[in-house]
Amino acid sequence: MTRVRTDPLIAALTHPTRRRAYEVLLQVEEMSTVQLQDQVSVDRYNLYHHLKRLVKVGLIENHRDAAGEGQFVDLLMAVRW
């Protein structure tokens, strides 16, 4: 049996959690992961897992919000245009 190769972008968006996160991010310029977590209704670990996949295929990018001595307090996500 041979495997059918799917476009990585399509494959990334077939998962309902990733698709929902992407749809939410399309509506705003930038959103923190805490805000996105509330919108998508998944725990933080699962959200990070799905966001990493969207970053890997180039659909979104992340920006770290630095506080004080280089401490990262939150991850900001934005759709790549």
N, C-alpha and C. Protein backbone atom coordinates (compact mmCIF):
# COMPACT_ATOMS: atom_id res chain seq x y z
N MET A 1 0.84 -1.17 0.00
CA MET A 1 0.00 0.00 0.00
C MET A 1 0.89 1.24 0.00
N THR A 2 0.60 2.19 -0.85
CA THR A 2 1.40 3.40 -0.93
C THR A 2 0.72 4.53 -0.17
N ARG A 3 1.54 5.40 0.37
CA ARG A 3 1.02 6.57 1.08
C ARG A 3 0.80 7.71 0.10
N VAL A 4 -0.27 8.39 0.27
CA VAL A 4 -0.56 9.56 -0.55
C VAL A 4 0.00 10.77 0.18
N ARG A 5 0.80 11.55 -0.51
CA ARG A 5 1.37 12.75 0.10
C ARG A 5 0.38 13.90 -0.01
N THR A 6 0.18 14.57 1.09
CA THR A 6 -0.73 15.69 1.14
C THR A 6 0.09 16.96 1.30
N ASP A 7 -0.40 18.03 0.75
CA ASP A 7 0.23 19.33 0.93
C ASP A 7 0.33 19.61 2.43
N PRO A 8 1.50 20.02 2.94
CA PRO A 8 1.67 20.26 4.38
C PRO A 8 0.70 21.32 4.93
N LEU A 9 0.36 22.33 4.15
CA LEU A 9 -0.59 23.34 4.61
C LEU A 9 -1.97 22.74 4.81
N ILE A 10 -2.39 21.95 3.86
CA ILE A 10 -3.71 21.31 3.97
C ILE A 10 -3.72 20.34 5.14
N ALA A 11 -2.65 19.57 5.27
CA ALA A 11 -2.57 18.61 6.37
C ALA A 11 -2.62 19.32 7.72
N ALA A 12 -1.96 20.46 7.83
CA ALA A 12 -1.95 21.20 9.10
C ALA A 12 -3.34 21.72 9.45
N LEU A 13 -4.10 22.13 8.45
CA LEU A 13 -5.42 22.71 8.71
C LEU A 13 -6.53 21.67 8.79
N THR A 14 -6.24 20.40 8.57
CA THR A 14 -7.29 19.39 8.68
C THR A 14 -7.66 19.09 10.12
N HIS A 15 -6.75 19.38 11.05
CA HIS A 15 -7.07 19.14 12.47
C HIS A 15 -7.99 20.26 12.95
N PRO A 16 -9.10 19.93 13.59
CA PRO A 16 -10.06 20.97 14.00
C PRO A 16 -9.50 22.02 14.97
N THR A 17 -8.61 21.62 15.86
CA THR A 17 -8.03 22.59 16.80
C THR A 17 -7.13 23.57 16.08
N ARG A 18 -6.30 23.08 15.17
CA ARG A 18 -5.43 23.99 14.40
C ARG A 18 -6.25 24.90 13.50
N ARG A 19 -7.27 24.34 12.87
CA ARG A 19 -8.11 25.15 11.99
C ARG A 19 -8.81 26.26 12.79
N ARG A 20 -9.33 25.92 13.96
CA ARG A 20 -10.01 26.91 14.80
C ARG A 20 -9.03 27.99 15.26
N ALA A 21 -7.85 27.61 15.69
CA ALA A 21 -6.84 28.59 16.12
C ALA A 21 -6.48 29.52 14.96
N TYR A 22 -6.30 28.96 13.78
CA TYR A 22 -5.97 29.77 12.61
C TYR A 22 -7.11 30.73 12.26
N GLU A 23 -8.34 30.25 12.32
CA GLU A 23 -9.49 31.11 12.03
C GLU A 23 -9.59 32.27 13.03
N VAL A 24 -9.33 31.98 14.29
CA VAL A 24 -9.36 33.03 15.32
C VAL A 24 -8.26 34.06 15.04
N LEU A 25 -7.06 33.59 14.72
CA LEU A 25 -5.94 34.49 14.47
C LEU A 25 -6.13 35.32 13.20
N LEU A 26 -6.90 34.83 12.25
CA LEU A 26 -7.17 35.60 11.04
C LEU A 26 -7.96 36.88 11.34
N GLN A 27 -8.69 36.88 12.44
CA GLN A 27 -9.58 37.99 12.77
C GLN A 27 -8.89 39.12 13.52
N VAL A 28 -7.66 38.90 13.96
CA VAL A 28 -6.95 39.91 14.75
C VAL A 28 -5.54 40.11 14.19
N GLU A 29 -4.94 41.22 14.57
CA GLU A 29 -3.56 41.47 14.14
C GLU A 29 -2.58 40.58 14.89
N GLU A 30 -2.82 40.43 16.18
CA GLU A 30 -1.93 39.65 17.04
C GLU A 30 -2.72 39.24 18.27
N MET A 31 -2.39 38.08 18.85
CA MET A 31 -3.11 37.60 20.03
C MET A 31 -2.16 36.78 20.89
N SER A 32 -2.28 36.94 22.20
CA SER A 32 -1.45 36.16 23.11
C SER A 32 -1.99 34.73 23.18
N THR A 33 -1.13 33.82 23.59
CA THR A 33 -1.56 32.44 23.69
C THR A 33 -2.62 32.26 24.77
N VAL A 34 -2.59 33.08 25.81
CA VAL A 34 -3.61 33.02 26.86
C VAL A 34 -4.98 33.38 26.27
N GLN A 35 -5.01 34.45 25.49
CA GLN A 35 -6.26 34.85 24.85
C GLN A 35 -6.73 33.79 23.86
N LEU A 36 -5.79 33.26 23.09
CA LEU A 36 -6.13 32.24 22.10
C LEU A 36 -6.62 30.97 22.79
N GLN A 37 -6.02 30.63 23.89
CA GLN A 37 -6.44 29.45 24.64
C GLN A 37 -7.90 29.57 25.05
N ASP A 38 -8.32 30.74 25.48
CA ASP A 38 -9.72 30.97 25.86
C ASP A 38 -10.65 30.82 24.66
N GLN A 39 -10.21 31.29 23.50
CA GLN A 39 -11.02 31.23 22.29
C GLN A 39 -11.16 29.81 21.74
N VAL A 40 -10.09 29.04 21.85
CA VAL A 40 -10.05 27.71 21.24
C VAL A 40 -10.53 26.63 22.22
N SER A 41 -10.48 26.93 23.51
CA SER A 41 -10.94 26.01 24.56
C SER A 41 -10.15 24.70 24.61
N VAL A 42 -8.83 24.82 24.63
CA VAL A 42 -7.96 23.66 24.84
C VAL A 42 -6.93 24.04 25.90
N ASP A 43 -6.33 23.02 26.52
CA ASP A 43 -5.32 23.34 27.52
C ASP A 43 -4.06 23.86 26.83
N ARG A 44 -3.22 24.51 27.60
CA ARG A 44 -2.04 25.19 27.06
C ARG A 44 -1.08 24.23 26.36
N TYR A 45 -0.87 23.05 26.92
CA TYR A 45 0.05 22.08 26.31
C TYR A 45 -0.43 21.72 24.90
N ASN A 46 -1.70 21.39 24.76
CA ASN A 46 -2.24 21.03 23.45
C ASN A 46 -2.19 22.21 22.48
N LEU A 47 -2.47 23.40 22.99
CA LEU A 47 -2.43 24.57 22.13
C LEU A 47 -1.03 24.79 21.58
N TYR A 48 -0.01 24.72 22.43
CA TYR A 48 1.37 24.90 21.97
C TYR A 48 1.74 23.86 20.92
N HIS A 49 1.30 22.63 21.13
CA HIS A 49 1.57 21.58 20.15
C HIS A 49 1.01 21.97 18.78
N HIS A 50 -0.22 22.42 18.74
CA HIS A 50 -0.86 22.78 17.47
C HIS A 50 -0.27 24.06 16.88
N LEU A 51 0.08 25.02 17.72
CA LEU A 51 0.68 26.25 17.22
C LEU A 51 2.04 25.98 16.59
N LYS A 52 2.82 25.08 17.20
CA LYS A 52 4.12 24.74 16.61
C LYS A 52 3.95 24.17 15.21
N ARG A 53 2.93 23.39 15.01
CA ARG A 53 2.67 22.81 13.67
C ARG A 53 2.32 23.91 12.67
N LEU A 54 1.50 24.88 13.09
CA LEU A 54 1.13 25.98 12.20
C LEU A 54 2.34 26.87 11.89
N VAL A 55 3.22 27.06 12.87
CA VAL A 55 4.44 27.83 12.64
C VAL A 55 5.34 27.07 11.66
N LYS A 56 5.45 25.77 11.85
CA LYS A 56 6.34 24.95 11.01
C LYS A 56 5.97 25.04 9.53
N VAL A 57 4.67 25.08 9.23
CA VAL A 57 4.26 25.15 7.82
C VAL A 57 4.16 26.59 7.32
N GLY A 58 4.44 27.56 8.21
CA GLY A 58 4.51 28.95 7.78
C GLY A 58 3.19 29.70 7.77
N LEU A 59 2.15 29.15 8.40
CA LEU A 59 0.86 29.84 8.43
C LEU A 59 0.81 30.96 9.47
N ILE A 60 1.53 30.78 10.56
CA ILE A 60 1.56 31.80 11.60
C ILE A 60 3.00 32.03 12.03
N GLU A 61 3.22 33.10 12.74
CA GLU A 61 4.54 33.36 13.31
C GLU A 61 4.36 33.73 14.77
N ASN A 62 5.42 33.57 15.53
CA ASN A 62 5.31 33.93 16.94
C ASN A 62 6.27 35.08 17.26
N HIS A 63 5.87 35.85 18.24
CA HIS A 63 6.65 36.97 18.75
C HIS A 63 6.66 36.81 20.26
N ARG A 64 7.81 36.88 20.84
CA ARG A 64 7.87 36.78 22.31
C ARG A 64 7.82 38.17 22.92
N ASP A 65 7.05 38.28 23.97
CA ASP A 65 6.90 39.53 24.68
C ASP A 65 7.88 39.51 25.85
N ALA A 66 8.95 40.27 25.77
CA ALA A 66 9.99 40.24 26.80
C ALA A 66 9.65 41.19 27.94
N ALA A 67 9.99 40.76 29.14
CA ALA A 67 9.76 41.59 30.33
C ALA A 67 11.02 41.56 31.19
N GLY A 68 11.48 42.71 31.57
CA GLY A 68 12.63 42.77 32.46
C GLY A 68 13.89 42.25 31.83
N GLU A 69 14.56 41.32 32.51
CA GLU A 69 15.87 40.82 32.07
C GLU A 69 15.74 39.66 31.08
N GLY A 70 15.05 39.88 29.99
CA GLY A 70 14.94 38.84 28.99
C GLY A 70 13.99 37.71 29.34
N GLN A 71 13.18 37.89 30.37
CA GLN A 71 12.20 36.88 30.72
C GLN A 71 11.04 36.94 29.74
N PHE A 72 10.65 35.80 29.21
CA PHE A 72 9.53 35.77 28.29
C PHE A 72 8.25 35.48 29.07
N VAL A 73 7.32 36.40 29.00
CA VAL A 73 6.11 36.24 29.79
C VAL A 73 4.95 35.65 29.00
N ASP A 74 4.95 35.81 27.71
CA ASP A 74 3.86 35.26 26.92
C ASP A 74 4.31 35.13 25.47
N LEU A 75 3.63 34.33 24.75
CA LEU A 75 3.91 34.12 23.34
C LEU A 75 2.80 34.78 22.55
N LEU A 76 3.14 35.66 21.64
CA LEU A 76 2.16 36.34 20.81
C LEU A 76 2.16 35.68 19.44
N MET A 77 0.99 35.39 18.94
CA MET A 77 0.85 34.71 17.67
C MET A 77 0.22 35.65 16.66
N ALA A 78 0.62 35.54 15.41
CA ALA A 78 0.07 36.36 14.35
C ALA A 78 0.09 35.56 13.04
N VAL A 79 -0.91 35.80 12.21
CA VAL A 79 -0.95 35.15 10.91
C VAL A 79 0.09 35.78 10.01
N ARG A 80 0.79 34.96 9.26
CA ARG A 80 1.80 35.46 8.31
C ARG A 80 1.11 35.87 7.03
N TRP A 81 1.41 37.05 6.54
CA TRP A 81 0.81 37.51 5.28
C TRP A 81 1.80 37.46 4.23
